[in-house]
Protein backbone atom coordinates (compact mmCIF):
# COMPACT_ATOMS: atom_id res chain seq x y z
CA LEU A 1 29.41 20.15 -37.32
CA ILE A 2 26.20 18.60 -38.70
CA PHE A 3 24.10 21.50 -37.39
CA LYS A 4 26.58 24.04 -38.69
CA ALA A 5 26.56 22.39 -42.13
CA GLY A 6 22.91 23.29 -42.22
CA GLU A 7 23.53 26.70 -40.95
CA TYR A 8 21.50 25.80 -37.82
CA LYS A 9 18.29 26.19 -39.81
CA SER A 10 18.07 23.01 -41.92
CA TRP A 11 15.54 20.54 -40.55
CA LYS A 12 17.28 17.66 -42.30
CA HIS A 13 20.64 18.58 -40.64
CA THR A 14 18.96 18.98 -37.29
CA VAL A 15 17.37 15.51 -37.42
CA LEU A 16 20.64 13.97 -38.69
CA GLY A 17 22.57 15.63 -35.92
CA TYR A 18 20.31 14.38 -33.20
CA CYS A 19 20.42 10.85 -34.67
CA VAL A 20 24.22 10.77 -34.81
CA PHE A 21 24.46 12.26 -31.32
CA THR A 22 22.20 9.61 -29.77
CA GLU A 23 24.29 6.82 -31.35
CA TRP A 24 27.38 7.90 -29.32
CA VAL A 25 25.89 6.03 -26.29
CA ILE A 26 26.35 2.78 -28.08
CA GLY A 27 30.14 3.16 -27.77
CA SER A 28 30.09 2.12 -24.17
CA MET A 29 27.99 -1.00 -24.88
CA LEU A 30 29.80 -2.16 -28.12
CA PRO A 31 32.37 -4.35 -26.33
CA MET A 32 29.51 -6.48 -25.02
CA TRP A 33 28.75 -7.43 -28.57
CA ILE A 34 32.07 -7.08 -30.48
CA MET A 35 34.43 -8.53 -27.86
CA ARG A 36 31.78 -10.64 -25.92
CA ASP A 37 33.99 -13.33 -24.46
CA ALA A 38 36.80 -11.05 -23.47
CA PHE A 39 34.46 -8.44 -22.09
CA PHE A 40 32.67 -10.85 -19.81
CA GLU A 41 35.80 -12.66 -18.83
CA ALA A 42 37.38 -9.38 -17.77
CA TYR A 43 34.18 -8.58 -15.84
CA ARG A 44 34.25 -12.02 -14.14
CA SER A 45 37.96 -11.49 -13.14
CA ASN A 46 37.14 -8.04 -11.68
CA GLY A 47 34.55 -9.62 -9.26
CA GLY A 48 31.46 -9.91 -11.32
CA THR A 49 29.20 -12.70 -10.27
CA ASP A 50 28.21 -15.52 -12.65
CA GLU A 51 24.54 -14.83 -12.01
CA TYR A 52 24.90 -11.22 -12.99
CA ILE A 53 27.02 -12.05 -16.08
CA SER A 54 24.65 -14.59 -17.32
CA SER A 55 21.72 -12.26 -16.95
CA LEU A 56 23.67 -9.43 -18.70
CA MET A 57 24.61 -11.82 -21.49
CA SER A 58 20.94 -12.75 -22.04
CA LEU A 59 19.99 -9.10 -22.19
CA THR A 60 22.73 -8.28 -24.75
CA ALA A 61 21.93 -11.07 -27.28
CA ASN A 62 23.38 -10.41 -30.75
CA TRP A 63 19.95 -9.41 -32.16
CA MET A 64 19.78 -6.54 -29.69
CA LEU A 65 22.52 -4.49 -31.29
CA PRO A 66 20.45 -3.52 -34.31
CA VAL A 67 17.47 -2.85 -32.00
CA VAL A 68 19.54 -0.46 -29.94
CA ILE A 69 20.79 1.36 -33.05
CA VAL A 70 17.23 1.75 -34.49
CA LEU A 71 15.82 2.88 -31.03
CA GLY A 72 18.62 5.48 -30.94
CA ILE A 73 17.68 6.79 -34.37
CA VAL A 74 14.03 6.88 -33.35
CA GLY A 75 14.92 8.75 -30.21
CA GLY A 76 17.03 11.25 -32.30
CA VAL A 77 14.03 11.89 -34.53
CA ILE A 78 11.75 12.38 -31.56
CA GLY A 79 14.31 14.67 -29.93
CA ALA A 80 14.65 16.72 -33.00
CA TYR A 81 10.83 17.11 -33.30
CA LEU A 82 10.52 18.09 -29.64
CA GLY A 83 13.36 20.59 -29.95
CA LYS A 84 11.60 22.15 -32.98
CA VAL A 85 8.24 22.38 -31.11
CA ILE A 86 9.86 23.88 -28.03
CA LEU A 87 11.79 26.33 -30.19
CA LYS A 88 8.59 27.50 -31.85
CA LYS A 89 6.53 27.60 -28.60
CA HIS A 90 8.91 29.56 -26.50
CA PHE A 91 11.55 31.32 -28.48
CA VAL A 92 9.76 32.22 -31.83
CA LYS A 93 6.78 33.50 -29.90
CA ALA A 94 8.97 35.61 -27.71
CA GLY A 95 10.74 37.03 -30.80
CA ILE A 96 14.13 35.77 -29.79
CA VAL A 97 14.59 33.62 -32.95
């Protein structure tokens, strides 16, 4: 929808689309931050070891959520740029686009 809003030609819409798309990955990780105690207790009751849970808790400290979001946006911008370069290199040269 974001790409279509820019009629598939707007650079701003392309970058925004890639940034939004990369943030979908966070959905599977959000419970580790939002419902931290319930998430790890459920993991423990399903057979997770205390050693693994404590190491995962240390890797998902509260300050990591903004880092993951920012890195997702940076990855989206890089992906948009690479897509633009590849489009020009292969498809524009070939006369397809």
